[in-house]
C-alpha atoms as a PDB file:
ATOM      1  CA  MET A   1       0.000   0.000   0.000  1.00  0.00           C
ATOM      2  CA  SER A   2       1.123   3.487  -0.740  1.00  0.00           C
ATOM      3  CA  LYS A   3       0.688   6.386   1.620  1.00  0.00           C
ATOM      4  CA  LYS A   4      -1.419   9.250   0.463  1.00  0.00           C
ATOM      5  CA  ILE A   5       0.477  12.540   0.579  1.00  0.00           C
ATOM      6  CA  VAL A   6      -2.385  14.994  -0.019  1.00  0.00           C
ATOM      7  CA  PRO A   7      -5.298  14.807   2.436  1.00  0.00           C
ATOM      8  CA  ASP A   8      -8.877  14.661   1.238  1.00  0.00           C
ATOM      9  CA  PRO A   9     -10.552  18.057   1.025  1.00  0.00           C
ATOM     10  CA  PRO A  10     -12.937  18.710   3.918  1.00  0.00           C
ATOM     11  CA  ILE A  11     -16.477  17.690   3.301  1.00  0.00           C
ATOM     12  CA  ASP A  12     -18.640  20.743   2.678  1.00  0.00           C
ATOM     13  CA  THR A  13     -21.614  20.318   4.982  1.00  0.00           C
ATOM     14  CA  THR A  14     -23.169  23.652   4.139  1.00  0.00           C
ATOM     15  CA  THR A  15     -25.885  23.838   1.607  1.00  0.00           C
ATOM     16  CA  PRO A  16     -26.618  26.812  -0.590  1.00  0.00           C
ATOM     17  CA  LYS A  17     -29.779  27.354   1.441  1.00  0.00           C
ATOM     18  CA  ALA A  18     -27.812  27.436   4.739  1.00  0.00           C
ATOM     19  CA  GLU A  19     -25.370  29.951   3.256  1.00  0.00           C
ATOM     20  CA  LYS A  20     -28.273  32.102   2.062  1.00  0.00           C
ATOM     21  CA  THR A  21     -29.853  31.964   5.539  1.00  0.00           C
ATOM     22  CA  ARG A  22     -26.517  32.909   7.112  1.00  0.00           C
ATOM     23  CA  ASP A  23     -26.128  35.836   4.692  1.00  0.00           C
ATOM     24  CA  ASP A  24     -29.673  36.978   5.454  1.00  0.00           C
ATOM     25  CA  ASP A  25     -28.947  36.853   9.206  1.00  0.00           C
ATOM     26  CA  LEU A  26     -25.774  38.900   8.756  1.00  0.00           C
ATOM     27  CA  PHE A  27     -27.684  41.429   6.648  1.00  0.00           C
ATOM     28  CA  LYS A  28     -30.406  41.698   9.312  1.00  0.00           C
ATOM     29  CA  ASP A  29     -27.739  42.162  12.011  1.00  0.00           C
ATOM     30  CA  ARG A  30     -26.066  44.921  10.003  1.00  0.00           C
ATOM     31  CA  GLU A  31     -29.405  46.638   9.471  1.00  0.00           C
ATOM     32  CA  ALA A  32     -30.226  46.434  13.199  1.00  0.00           C
ATOM     33  CA  ILE A  33     -26.819  47.867  14.106  1.00  0.00           C
ATOM     34  CA  LYS A  34     -27.274  50.676  11.568  1.00  0.00           C
ATOM     35  CA  ARG A  35     -30.737  51.526  12.960  1.00  0.00           C
ATOM     36  CA  ALA A  36     -29.404  51.556  16.544  1.00  0.00           C
ATOM     37  CA  LEU A  37     -26.472  53.815  15.635  1.00  0.00           C
ATOM     38  CA  ASP A  38     -28.724  56.130  13.642  1.00  0.00           C
ATOM     39  CA  TYR A  39     -31.139  56.323  16.555  1.00  0.00           C
ATOM     40  CA  TYR A  40     -28.487  57.255  19.125  1.00  0.00           C
ATOM     41  CA  LEU A  41     -26.072  59.269  16.984  1.00  0.00           C
ATOM     42  CA  ASP A  42     -28.610  60.957  14.709  1.00  0.00           C
ATOM     43  CA  PRO A  43     -31.898  61.017  16.655  1.00  0.00           C
ATOM     44  CA  PRO A  44     -35.176  61.502  14.823  1.00  0.00           C
ATOM     45  CA  ALA A  45     -36.504  65.045  14.527  1.00  0.00           C
ATOM     46  CA  GLN A  46     -39.255  64.350  17.062  1.00  0.00           C
ATOM     47  CA  TYR A  47     -36.581  64.172  19.781  1.00  0.00           C
ATOM     48  CA  THR A  48     -34.504  67.151  18.710  1.00  0.00           C
ATOM     49  CA  GLU A  49     -37.016  69.801  17.672  1.00  0.00           C
ATOM     50  CA  LYS A  50     -38.868  70.247  20.966  1.00  0.00           C
ATOM     51  CA  PRO A  51     -37.034  72.575  23.332  1.00  0.00           C
ATOM     52  CA  ARG A  52     -36.883  71.362  26.903  1.00  0.00           C
ATOM     53  CA  ARG A  53     -39.297  73.185  29.157  1.00  0.00           C
ATOM     54  CA  PRO A  54     -38.644  72.698  32.860  1.00  0.00           C
ATOM     55  CA  SER A  55     -41.606  72.120  35.108  1.00  0.00           C
ATOM     56  CA  THR A  56     -42.924  75.229  36.816  1.00  0.00           C
ATOM     57  CA  MET A  57     -44.492  73.245  39.635  1.00  0.00           C
ATOM     58  CA  PHE A  58     -41.666  74.121  42.035  1.00  0.00           C
ATOM     59  CA  MET A  59     -40.373  77.337  40.563  1.00  0.00           C
ATOM     60  CA  VAL A  60     -37.909  79.580  42.362  1.00  0.00           C
ATOM     61  CA  ALA A  61     -39.118  83.142  42.588  1.00  0.00           C
ATOM     62  CA  PRO A  62     -37.606  84.982  39.603  1.00  0.00           C
ATOM     63  CA  ASP A  63     -36.862  88.121  41.650  1.00  0.00           C
ATOM     64  CA  MET A  64     -34.673  86.323  44.231  1.00  0.00           C
ATOM     65  CA  ASP A  65     -31.238  87.858  44.590  1.00  0.00           C
ATOM     66  CA  THR A  66     -28.108  85.789  44.055  1.00  0.00           C
ATOM     67  CA  GLU A  67     -26.906  86.052  47.637  1.00  0.00           C
ATOM     68  CA  SER A  68     -30.177  84.653  49.028  1.00  0.00           C
ATOM     69  CA  LEU A  69     -30.153  81.819  46.503  1.00  0.00           C
ATOM     70  CA  LEU A  70     -26.566  80.920  47.354  1.00  0.00           C
ATOM     71  CA  ALA A  71     -27.261  81.089  51.085  1.00  0.00           C
ATOM     72  CA  HIS A  72     -30.216  78.744  50.691  1.00  0.00           C
ATOM     73  CA  ALA A  73     -28.162  76.372  48.524  1.00  0.00           C
ATOM     74  CA  TYR A  74     -25.394  76.389  51.147  1.00  0.00           C
ATOM     75  CA  GLU A  75     -27.851  75.533  53.934  1.00  0.00           C
ATOM     76  CA  SER A  76     -29.408  72.752  51.845  1.00  0.00           C
ATOM     77  CA  LEU A  77     -25.986  71.281  51.074  1.00  0.00           C
ATOM     78  CA  ALA A  78     -24.963  71.494  54.736  1.00  0.00           C
ATOM     79  CA  THR A  79     -28.123  69.612  55.727  1.00  0.00           C
ATOM     80  CA  ALA A  80     -27.547  66.980  53.022  1.00  0.00           C
ATOM     81  CA  SER A  81     -23.956  66.569  54.211  1.00  0.00           C
ATOM     82  CA  VAL A  82     -25.072  65.894  57.783  1.00  0.00           C
ATOM     83  CA  LEU A  83     -27.739  63.459  56.589  1.00  0.00           C
ATOM     84  CA  ALA A  84     -25.246  61.540  54.436  1.00  0.00           C
ATOM     85  CA  SER A  85     -22.722  61.450  57.272  1.00  0.00           C
ATOM     86  CA  ASP A  86     -25.311  60.148  59.756  1.00  0.00           C
ATOM     87  CA  PHE A  87     -26.485  57.584  57.231  1.00  0.00           C
ATOM     88  CA  ALA A  88     -22.890  56.434  56.594  1.00  0.00           C
ATOM     89  CA  ASN A  89     -22.424  55.823  60.331  1.00  0.00           C
ATOM     90  CA  ASP A  90     -25.218  53.217  60.195  1.00  0.00           C
ATOM     91  CA  LEU A  91     -23.584  51.315  57.318  1.00  0.00           C
ATOM     92  CA  THR A  92     -20.589  49.011  56.970  1.00  0.00           C
ATOM     93  CA  GLY A  93     -18.290  47.959  54.170  1.00  0.00           C
ATOM     94  CA  PRO A  94     -18.709  49.201  50.595  1.00  0.00           C
ATOM     95  CA  GLN A  95     -22.079  50.815  51.313  1.00  0.00           C
ATOM     96  CA  ARG A  96     -20.448  52.992  53.984  1.00  0.00           C
ATOM     97  CA  TYR A  97     -17.723  54.061  51.579  1.00  0.00           C
ATOM     98  CA  THR A  98     -20.348  54.937  48.964  1.00  0.00           C
ATOM     99  CA  ALA A  99     -22.311  57.062  51.449  1.00  0.00           C
ATOM    100  CA  LEU A 100     -19.097  58.789  52.555  1.00  0.00           C
ATOM    101  CA  ALA A 101     -18.192  59.497  48.916  1.00  0.00           C
ATOM    102  CA  ILE A 102     -21.616  61.077  48.420  1.00  0.00           C
ATOM    103  CA  GLN A 103     -21.101  63.114  51.585  1.00  0.00           C
ATOM    104  CA  GLN A 104     -17.688  64.262  50.336  1.00  0.00           C
ATOM    105  CA  SER A 105     -19.194  65.367  46.998  1.00  0.00           C
ATOM    106  CA  ILE A 106     -21.803  67.346  48.900  1.00  0.00           C
ATOM    107  CA  MET A 107     -19.077  68.963  51.008  1.00  0.00           C
ATOM    108  CA  LEU A 108     -17.157  69.982  47.872  1.00  0.00           C
ATOM    109  CA  ALA A 109     -20.311  71.577  46.448  1.00  0.00           C
ATOM    110  CA  GLU A 110     -20.826  73.277  49.796  1.00  0.00           C
ATOM    111  CA  LEU A 111     -17.308  74.744  49.619  1.00  0.00           C
ATOM    112  CA  ALA A 112     -17.939  76.010  46.074  1.00  0.00           C
ATOM    113  CA  VAL A 113     -21.197  77.688  47.110  1.00  0.00           C
ATOM    114  CA  ASN A 114     -19.473  79.190  50.144  1.00  0.00           C
ATOM    115  CA  ARG A 115     -16.761  80.644  47.887  1.00  0.00           C
ATOM    116  CA  ALA A 116     -19.456  82.060  45.561  1.00  0.00           C
ATOM    117  CA  LEU A 117     -21.103  83.670  48.592  1.00  0.00           C
ATOM    118  CA  ASP A 118     -17.774  85.250  49.512  1.00  0.00           C
ATOM    119  CA  ASN A 119     -17.467  86.608  45.963  1.00  0.00           C
ATOM    120  CA  VAL A 120     -20.987  88.062  46.048  1.00  0.00           C
ATOM    121  CA  ASP A 121     -20.584  89.778  49.389  1.00  0.00           C
ATOM    122  CA  PRO A 122     -16.912  90.019  50.417  1.00  0.00           C
ATOM    123  CA  ALA A 123     -17.200  91.032  54.068  1.00  0.00           C
END
C-alpha cells in the first residue's frame, strides 16, 4: 500500500440554502446595528425639535437675589452633608464608603457655594 500525501478536502456540509440563511442573518444584524447607531447618533426630529421646558411646579421666585439663593443652597448642602454622614455611620463595608463618597461630593459643592457667597458679598 502506498501512503497518500495529499489529504482529502474537507467535506462541505453547508448547503446553498444554509449559506443564504446565514447571509440573510448577517444582513439583518447589520441593518439592526445601523438603525441603533442612527437612533443614538442621529436622533429623529421628534426628539430634537422640541425645546426642553422645565416644570414650573416648584419654581424659584424669579426676583430672588443671588446672595439669598446661594445662602439657601449652602444651607441645603450642609443639611444633606449631615444626613449623608449620619447615614454612613449606620452602614458598613462598601455601602459605607459609597455614602461617605456622596457626603464628600456634597461637602465639595458646599465649599464652592461658600466661595461664591464670599465673591458676592466680600465682608
